[in-house]
Amino acid sequence: MRSDVSTRRNLIVAVIGASFVLQLTGMAVASAAAGALDPSFSDNGKRITRFGESAAGETFAEALAIQSDGRIVVVGAVRPVSKSLSRFAVARHTVDGDLDPTFGSDGKVLTAFSGHAFATDVAVQPDGKIVVAGTRRNPDTDVSRFALARYMPGGALDPTFGGDGKVTTSLGGASVGWALALQPDGKIVVAGSAIKDRRIVYALARYDTSGALDLTFDDDGRVTTTFGFGRGWRDVGIQPDGKIVAVGTTQLGGPVLDERFILARYDSTGQPDGSFGGTGIVTTPFANTFRGSQAHAEGLAIDPGGEIVVVGDYVTENLEGRSVRGIAIARYSSANGALDTSFSVNGKVRTRFGPSAFAAAGAIQADGRIVAAGGVSDPADDAFRWALVRYEDTGRLDPEFSDDGKVMTAFGIQAAATDVAIQADGRIVAAGSTSQLSNGFGVARYLAA
């Protein structure tokens, strides 16, 4: 089993067919080590948020965003125990970790679509409006679409977006939205997958500020790319020059398994950027064994200079021939997509953490250090915990971060972090799943100094 995140995502796919600086004082905080939970945040650094009737059902936290005033928005999905239709779930926290009473009902908002709905990413506009992307599936027709919702700063749906605050888009077959990015001009890019000719293809859609498809983006606002046996885009970002970078996993044909990172770069019109890897596409293998190569890209971060960091996992075998899963990170040049050889020895880093680990998301600090967040199997009881790993900008594990660069955080028996972000003051905020006994959105904040 890959992790709680994999189980959760498989469940979703099955149902489908997701400049405020905090000033803190106090000797306890000032003397704590980097990587320690921030005791000023909620309950000693951690918070679990439940959504009423969902307490005995299924609740998944998928992504987070930090507003300019320091408040934290977390999104995911809620499916009540009654197995009724799942809904977008949004929670907003104050800078101290409490639910924000000015947002929705006691800091929480649930949004229904005409079918199952799963929110998988979030971004905050400069005007404070919150954009959430994911997937909607109609259980009667078995058709799924990209789904978006935009909220006013107080949590009400924005009627200027799609007429009622919601938009759905088909890109062919089962269309699944996983990630979104906001361009500087306010346009919204959503990345995911679709089905064409019975194959999974990589799918992008771009919307204008009203929620309408942007017809300057490949004429109809939609772009699909076929390469190998695709799984769709898992994350998307905008470079400082406006070019769009999407990442995911591909499987190449051949006598042995060959799964690798795939990146593609598009220009502002949705056309492949030929300066990126020669064709607009770059693939990266991570581990070669007698069983083949396995590497899965899950998260993307772009630094102010445009350098691209991709995080995920790799699989190899130990001396006993057993599969071993670890964290995989690669850094690429913004000039041409080549691996950055100043990062480790060949632009790639593999990290063992516990018996099994993976990264679901990454973020870059102002000093260039890289934080990866995901899950790790605790050797004490084989339960999955949240995992944070920090690297120096050279790719070396950061010894200032919990002495060895690695942090494990318990959020129940089976849990994993799904997203991570850096506050303006450098503190690290992660969101993710908690165990079924807790069944809520998990949020934690860590010291970074």
Foldseek 3Di string as FASTA:
>chain_A
DAAPVVVVVVVVCVQLCAQADDDDDDPVQVPDFFQAFRCQADNHFKDFDDDPQQLLPFWWWAEWDADSNGKIKIWWWGQGPVRPAIWIKIFIADNNHATDPLADHSRIDTGDDQAHWIWHYWDADPQGKIKTWWKGAHPVVSEMWIKMFIADNSHATDCLAPNRRMDTHAPEGRWIWHEWEADPQGKIKTWWWYADPNAIWTKIFIAHNSNATDCLAVRRRMDTHDDARFGYFQYWYAAPVGKIKTKWWHWHDDDATEIWIKMFIAHPNNHTDCLAQNRRMDTDFDDQDPRGTDWTWAEWEADNVGKIKTKWKTWDADPVRDIAIWIKMFIADRRHRATDCLADRRRMDTDHDERYWIFNYWYAFPQGKIKTWKWYQDPVPRFIFIKIFIADNSNATDCSNVNGRIDTHAQERGWTWNYWYADSNGKIKTWTAHDSVSNGIMIGITHHD
